[in-house]
N, C-alpha and C. Protein backbone atom coordinates (compact mmCIF):
# COMPACT_ATOMS: atom_id res chain seq x y z
N MET A 1 -94.52 5.29 -37.51
CA MET A 1 -93.72 5.91 -36.59
C MET A 1 -92.71 4.72 -36.93
N THR A 2 -91.58 5.62 -36.91
CA THR A 2 -90.23 4.93 -37.27
C THR A 2 -89.74 4.33 -35.58
N ALA A 3 -88.56 3.34 -35.91
CA ALA A 3 -88.48 2.54 -34.36
C ALA A 3 -87.75 3.90 -33.88
N LEU A 4 -86.92 4.64 -34.17
CA LEU A 4 -86.04 5.51 -33.27
C LEU A 4 -87.00 6.70 -32.91
N ALA A 5 -88.41 6.59 -33.52
CA ALA A 5 -89.00 7.91 -32.92
C ALA A 5 -90.00 7.05 -31.46
N MET A 6 -90.17 5.58 -32.09
CA MET A 6 -90.79 4.93 -30.73
C MET A 6 -90.08 4.74 -29.74
N GLN A 7 -88.37 4.78 -29.84
CA GLN A 7 -87.90 4.44 -28.78
C GLN A 7 -87.50 6.02 -27.95
N THR A 8 -87.37 7.03 -28.89
CA THR A 8 -87.38 8.41 -27.83
C THR A 8 -88.32 8.66 -27.18
N LEU A 9 -90.18 8.22 -27.72
CA LEU A 9 -91.32 8.37 -26.94
C LEU A 9 -91.27 8.00 -25.58
N ALA A 10 -90.36 6.45 -25.30
CA ALA A 10 -90.83 5.41 -24.52
C ALA A 10 -89.82 6.34 -23.71
N ILE A 11 -88.61 6.75 -24.07
CA ILE A 11 -87.52 7.16 -23.28
C ILE A 11 -88.13 8.70 -22.62
N VAL A 12 -89.06 9.30 -23.63
CA VAL A 12 -89.45 10.45 -22.49
C VAL A 12 -90.69 10.44 -21.43
N SER A 13 -91.18 9.24 -22.08
CA SER A 13 -92.24 9.32 -20.99
C SER A 13 -92.24 8.52 -19.91
N LEU A 14 -91.01 7.45 -19.84
CA LEU A 14 -90.08 6.89 -18.96
C LEU A 14 -89.69 8.23 -17.80
N CYS A 15 -89.02 9.36 -18.55
CA CYS A 15 -88.81 10.25 -17.42
C CYS A 15 -89.77 11.07 -17.08
N ALA A 16 -90.62 11.23 -17.49
CA ALA A 16 -91.58 11.89 -17.13
C ALA A 16 -92.49 11.18 -16.11
N VAL A 17 -93.06 9.98 -16.15
CA VAL A 17 -93.33 9.18 -14.96
C VAL A 17 -92.26 9.35 -13.61
N SER A 18 -90.79 9.15 -13.99
CA SER A 18 -90.34 9.01 -13.10
C SER A 18 -90.22 10.30 -12.31
N ALA A 19 -90.69 11.44 -12.86
CA ALA A 19 -90.24 13.22 -12.32
C ALA A 19 -91.29 12.63 -11.68
N SER A 20 -92.59 12.68 -11.90
CA SER A 20 -93.84 13.15 -11.48
C SER A 20 -94.07 12.10 -10.35
N GLY A 21 -93.57 11.08 -9.97
CA GLY A 21 -93.66 9.83 -9.16
C GLY A 21 -92.86 10.73 -8.40
N TYR A 22 -91.66 11.05 -8.10
CA TYR A 22 -90.99 11.68 -7.31
C TYR A 22 -91.42 13.17 -6.53
N ALA A 23 -91.99 13.87 -7.47
CA ALA A 23 -92.88 14.88 -7.00
C ALA A 23 -93.96 14.56 -5.95
N PHE A 24 -94.82 13.58 -5.74
CA PHE A 24 -95.54 13.16 -5.07
C PHE A 24 -94.89 11.77 -4.25
N SER A 25 -93.99 11.75 -3.86
CA SER A 25 -92.99 10.21 -2.61
C SER A 25 -93.20 11.22 -1.60
N TRP A 26 -92.96 10.12 -0.78
CA TRP A 26 -93.19 10.62 0.87
C TRP A 26 -92.41 11.94 1.21
N ASP A 27 -90.52 11.54 0.69
CA ASP A 27 -89.83 12.59 0.80
C ASP A 27 -89.68 13.60 -0.38
N SER A 28 -90.59 14.28 -0.96
CA SER A 28 -90.45 14.89 -2.72
C SER A 28 -90.17 16.31 -1.55
N PRO A 29 -89.16 17.18 -1.87
CA PRO A 29 -88.94 18.89 -1.35
C PRO A 29 -90.47 19.43 -2.18
N VAL A 30 -91.68 18.90 -2.80
CA VAL A 30 -92.10 20.30 -3.62
C VAL A 30 -93.86 19.59 -2.94
N LYS A 31 -93.94 18.39 -1.74
CA LYS A 31 -95.41 17.89 -1.86
C LYS A 31 -95.63 18.55 -0.26
N PRO A 32 -96.75 19.20 -0.41
CA PRO A 32 -97.10 19.81 0.48
C PRO A 32 -97.31 18.61 2.00
N PHE A 33 -97.65 19.16 3.07
CA PHE A 33 -97.83 18.57 4.15
C PHE A 33 -98.66 19.07 5.40
N GLY A 34 -99.20 18.78 6.11
CA GLY A 34 -99.87 18.93 7.44
C GLY A 34 -99.09 19.27 8.01
N THR A 35 -99.39 20.29 9.07
CA THR A 35 -98.94 20.45 10.54
C THR A 35 -99.45 20.30 11.79
N GLU A 36 -100.39 19.46 11.62
CA GLU A 36 -101.61 19.28 12.61
C GLU A 36 -100.74 18.05 13.72
N THR A 37 -99.39 17.58 13.44
CA THR A 37 -98.90 16.47 14.13
C THR A 37 -97.45 17.23 14.47
N ASN A 38 -96.54 18.45 14.64
CA ASN A 38 -96.27 19.23 15.03
C ASN A 38 -96.43 19.21 16.80
N GLY A 39 -95.13 18.64 16.55
CA GLY A 39 -94.98 19.01 19.14
C GLY A 39 -94.93 19.79 19.21
N ARG A 40 -94.14 21.00 18.48
CA ARG A 40 -94.25 22.11 19.31
C ARG A 40 -94.15 23.38 18.30
N GLU A 41 -94.54 24.23 18.07
CA GLU A 41 -94.96 25.58 17.65
C GLU A 41 -93.50 26.00 17.28
N THR A 42 -93.09 26.28 18.80
CA THR A 42 -91.42 27.20 18.72
C THR A 42 -90.33 26.15 19.53
N MET A 43 -89.66 25.98 18.58
CA MET A 43 -88.43 25.26 18.92
C MET A 43 -87.35 26.24 18.92
N LEU A 44 -86.36 26.14 19.67
CA LEU A 44 -85.06 26.20 19.30
C LEU A 44 -84.02 25.70 18.97
N ILE A 45 -83.83 25.80 17.63
CA ILE A 45 -83.16 25.06 16.55
C ILE A 45 -81.44 25.51 16.48
N THR A 46 -80.55 24.97 16.58
CA THR A 46 -79.37 24.91 16.23
C THR A 46 -79.07 23.57 15.18
N TRP A 47 -77.61 24.50 14.32
CA TRP A 47 -77.60 23.87 13.04
C TRP A 47 -76.08 23.65 13.16
N LYS A 48 -75.72 22.50 12.77
CA LYS A 48 -73.81 22.65 12.76
C LYS A 48 -73.79 21.84 11.48
N PRO A 49 -72.96 22.15 10.75
CA PRO A 49 -72.60 21.45 9.41
C PRO A 49 -71.33 21.33 9.87
N VAL A 50 -70.76 20.09 9.66
CA VAL A 50 -69.92 18.86 9.95
C VAL A 50 -69.05 18.58 9.33
N ASP A 51 -68.15 18.21 8.86
CA ASP A 51 -67.09 17.61 7.83
C ASP A 51 -67.51 15.72 7.29
N ASP A 52 -67.34 15.19 8.39
CA ASP A 52 -67.75 13.49 8.56
C ASP A 52 -69.23 13.74 8.96
N ILE A 53 -70.35 13.82 8.71
CA ILE A 53 -71.65 13.72 8.84
C ILE A 53 -72.22 12.20 9.25
N GLN A 54 -71.92 11.26 8.52
CA GLN A 54 -72.07 9.43 8.89
C GLN A 54 -71.15 9.54 10.37
N GLY A 55 -69.99 10.26 10.58
CA GLY A 55 -69.38 9.53 11.66
C GLY A 55 -70.42 10.33 13.09
N VAL A 56 -70.37 11.67 12.90
CA VAL A 56 -71.56 12.53 13.98
C VAL A 56 -72.58 11.88 13.53
N CYS A 57 -73.40 11.73 13.00
CA CYS A 57 -74.86 10.73 13.07
C CYS A 57 -74.32 9.75 13.91
N GLU A 58 -73.45 8.68 13.60
CA GLU A 58 -73.49 7.36 14.39
C GLU A 58 -73.51 7.67 15.47
N ARG A 59 -72.18 8.37 15.69
CA ARG A 59 -71.65 8.59 17.22
C ARG A 59 -72.55 9.25 18.35
N GLU A 60 -73.81 10.11 18.04
CA GLU A 60 -74.55 10.77 18.20
C GLU A 60 -75.77 9.57 18.63
N TYR A 61 -76.37 9.19 17.72
CA TYR A 61 -77.15 7.75 17.61
C TYR A 61 -76.59 6.76 18.82
N LYS A 62 -75.39 6.52 18.75
CA LYS A 62 -74.94 5.55 19.58
C LYS A 62 -75.13 6.19 20.91
N ARG A 63 -74.97 7.11 21.34
CA ARG A 63 -74.83 8.11 22.62
C ARG A 63 -76.10 7.96 23.12
N ARG A 64 -76.87 8.35 22.37
CA ARG A 64 -78.19 8.30 22.87
C ARG A 64 -79.00 7.04 22.95
N ARG A 65 -78.18 6.12 22.68
CA ARG A 65 -78.53 4.28 22.97
C ARG A 65 -79.65 4.04 21.70
N LEU A 66 -79.89 4.67 20.45
CA LEU A 66 -80.33 4.45 19.47
C LEU A 66 -80.05 3.94 18.42
N SER A 67 -80.55 2.54 17.39
CA SER A 67 -79.84 2.07 16.40
C SER A 67 -79.29 2.78 15.76
N THR A 68 -78.12 2.29 15.10
CA THR A 68 -77.58 2.77 14.27
C THR A 68 -77.92 3.15 12.63
N PHE A 69 -77.16 3.58 12.03
CA PHE A 69 -77.72 3.80 10.32
C PHE A 69 -77.41 2.38 9.82
N SER A 70 -78.27 1.84 8.90
CA SER A 70 -77.81 0.94 7.92
C SER A 70 -77.88 1.10 6.27
N TYR A 71 -77.61 2.57 6.32
CA TYR A 71 -77.72 3.54 5.33
C TYR A 71 -77.30 4.82 5.26
N LYS A 72 -76.68 5.31 4.13
CA LYS A 72 -75.80 7.10 4.00
C LYS A 72 -76.88 7.62 4.39
N VAL A 73 -76.30 8.95 5.29
CA VAL A 73 -76.66 10.06 5.49
C VAL A 73 -76.37 11.08 5.35
N ASP A 74 -77.21 12.43 4.99
CA ASP A 74 -76.68 13.63 4.35
C ASP A 74 -76.84 14.77 5.66
N ALA A 75 -77.52 14.24 6.32
CA ALA A 75 -77.93 15.28 7.89
C ALA A 75 -78.33 13.86 8.83
N CYS A 76 -79.08 14.56 10.19
CA CYS A 76 -79.52 14.08 11.11
C CYS A 76 -80.07 15.44 12.02
N PRO A 77 -81.24 14.88 12.79
CA PRO A 77 -81.76 15.61 13.75
C PRO A 77 -81.90 15.20 14.79
N PHE A 78 -81.14 15.99 16.30
CA PHE A 78 -81.88 14.90 17.25
C PHE A 78 -82.69 16.11 18.29
N TRP A 79 -84.03 15.57 18.37
CA TRP A 79 -85.09 16.60 19.16
C TRP A 79 -84.93 16.26 20.55
N ASN A 80 -86.00 17.21 21.36
CA ASN A 80 -86.64 17.32 22.71
C ASN A 80 -87.59 18.27 22.67
N PHE A 81 -88.99 17.20 22.34
CA PHE A 81 -90.28 18.27 22.55
C PHE A 81 -90.37 18.90 24.21
N THR A 82 -89.70 17.95 24.84
CA THR A 82 -89.99 18.41 26.66
C THR A 82 -89.43 19.77 26.97
N THR A 83 -87.87 19.59 26.22
CA THR A 83 -87.28 21.25 26.13
C THR A 83 -87.28 22.10 25.03
N ARG A 84 -88.01 21.62 24.04
CA ARG A 84 -88.24 22.56 22.91
C ARG A 84 -87.00 22.55 22.05
N THR A 85 -85.77 21.54 21.94
CA THR A 85 -84.60 22.10 21.40
C THR A 85 -84.71 21.22 20.65
N CYS A 86 -83.89 21.14 19.41
CA CYS A 86 -83.49 20.51 18.34
C CYS A 86 -82.26 20.86 17.64
N THR A 87 -81.17 20.16 17.04
CA THR A 87 -79.79 20.10 16.83
C THR A 87 -79.73 19.43 15.86
N ILE A 88 -79.54 20.48 14.90
CA ILE A 88 -79.22 19.47 12.83
C ILE A 88 -77.75 19.38 12.63
N TYR A 89 -77.43 18.21 12.36
CA TYR A 89 -75.96 18.13 11.48
C TYR A 89 -76.30 18.07 10.14
N THR A 90 -75.57 18.80 9.74
CA THR A 90 -75.81 18.62 7.90
C THR A 90 -73.96 18.40 7.49
N LYS A 91 -74.05 17.68 6.06
CA LYS A 91 -72.75 18.40 5.65
C LYS A 91 -72.26 19.56 5.61
N LYS A 92 -71.19 19.97 5.06
CA LYS A 92 -70.78 21.61 4.84
C LYS A 92 -71.20 21.99 3.85
N LEU A 93 -71.66 21.34 2.80
CA LEU A 93 -72.80 21.77 1.54
C LEU A 93 -73.75 21.07 1.56
N PRO A 94 -75.00 21.35 2.32
CA PRO A 94 -76.05 20.61 2.16
C PRO A 94 -77.16 21.75 1.39
N THR A 95 -78.05 20.66 1.01
CA THR A 95 -79.08 21.36 0.03
C THR A 95 -80.54 22.24 0.89
N MET A 96 -81.27 22.26 -0.04
CA MET A 96 -82.34 22.94 1.43
C MET A 96 -82.94 22.36 1.60
N HIS A 97 -83.07 20.83 0.36
CA HIS A 97 -84.35 19.85 0.97
C HIS A 97 -83.36 19.19 2.13
N ASP A 98 -82.56 19.11 2.62
CA ASP A 98 -81.81 18.65 3.38
C ASP A 98 -82.12 19.15 4.78
N LEU A 99 -81.82 20.61 4.68
CA LEU A 99 -82.08 21.41 5.76
C LEU A 99 -83.61 21.46 6.36
N GLY A 100 -84.42 21.46 5.06
CA GLY A 100 -86.09 21.38 5.19
C GLY A 100 -86.64 19.99 5.75
N HIS A 101 -86.06 18.62 5.40
CA HIS A 101 -86.22 17.60 6.27
C HIS A 101 -85.83 17.34 7.08
N GLU A 102 -84.89 17.69 7.43
CA GLU A 102 -84.32 17.68 9.14
C GLU A 102 -85.18 18.91 10.24
N MET A 103 -85.44 19.65 9.55
CA MET A 103 -86.20 20.39 10.35
C MET A 103 -87.59 20.28 10.21
N ARG A 104 -88.27 19.44 9.10
CA ARG A 104 -89.44 18.75 9.85
C ARG A 104 -89.23 18.12 11.00
N HIS A 105 -88.42 17.04 10.89
CA HIS A 105 -88.20 16.31 12.26
C HIS A 105 -88.16 17.47 13.47
N CYS A 106 -87.67 18.31 13.61
CA CYS A 106 -87.29 18.58 14.39
C CYS A 106 -89.32 19.07 15.21
N TYR A 107 -89.98 19.51 14.36
CA TYR A 107 -91.10 19.79 15.02
C TYR A 107 -92.15 18.56 14.94
N GLN A 108 -92.03 17.62 13.89
CA GLN A 108 -93.01 16.47 13.92
C GLN A 108 -92.20 15.13 14.46
N GLY A 109 -90.93 15.00 14.74
CA GLY A 109 -90.52 13.89 15.36
C GLY A 109 -89.86 13.00 14.28
N ASN A 110 -90.80 11.75 14.31
CA ASN A 110 -90.03 10.81 13.18
C ASN A 110 -91.08 10.44 12.59
N TRP A 111 -91.08 11.29 11.72
CA TRP A 111 -92.50 11.85 10.87
C TRP A 111 -92.46 10.68 9.83
N HIS A 112 -91.35 9.77 9.07
CA HIS A 112 -91.52 8.97 8.51
C HIS A 112 -91.15 7.65 8.51
């Protein structure tokens, strides 16, 4: 096998391992998850796309006396199992993964 063929094989192998690792990570959009930890079966969910997602999430967390983020966010949810309500804030152009991830928080709270 030539050096170029070995390098190509190594790169393809690394990409495959990397892709399969994501498919089974805790935040994978394709990994199935259980629903036994759902806080409620019925929720009123409000979705608010905003321009400054980082600022909106930081202000809302601060207002609720929660700790601030030490990382960039693409969305954030605020749920209340007692009132069965949840508000999801996303950037104006979210992905299905962004919305699905936050909706899971609405039903399962702080699941990760």
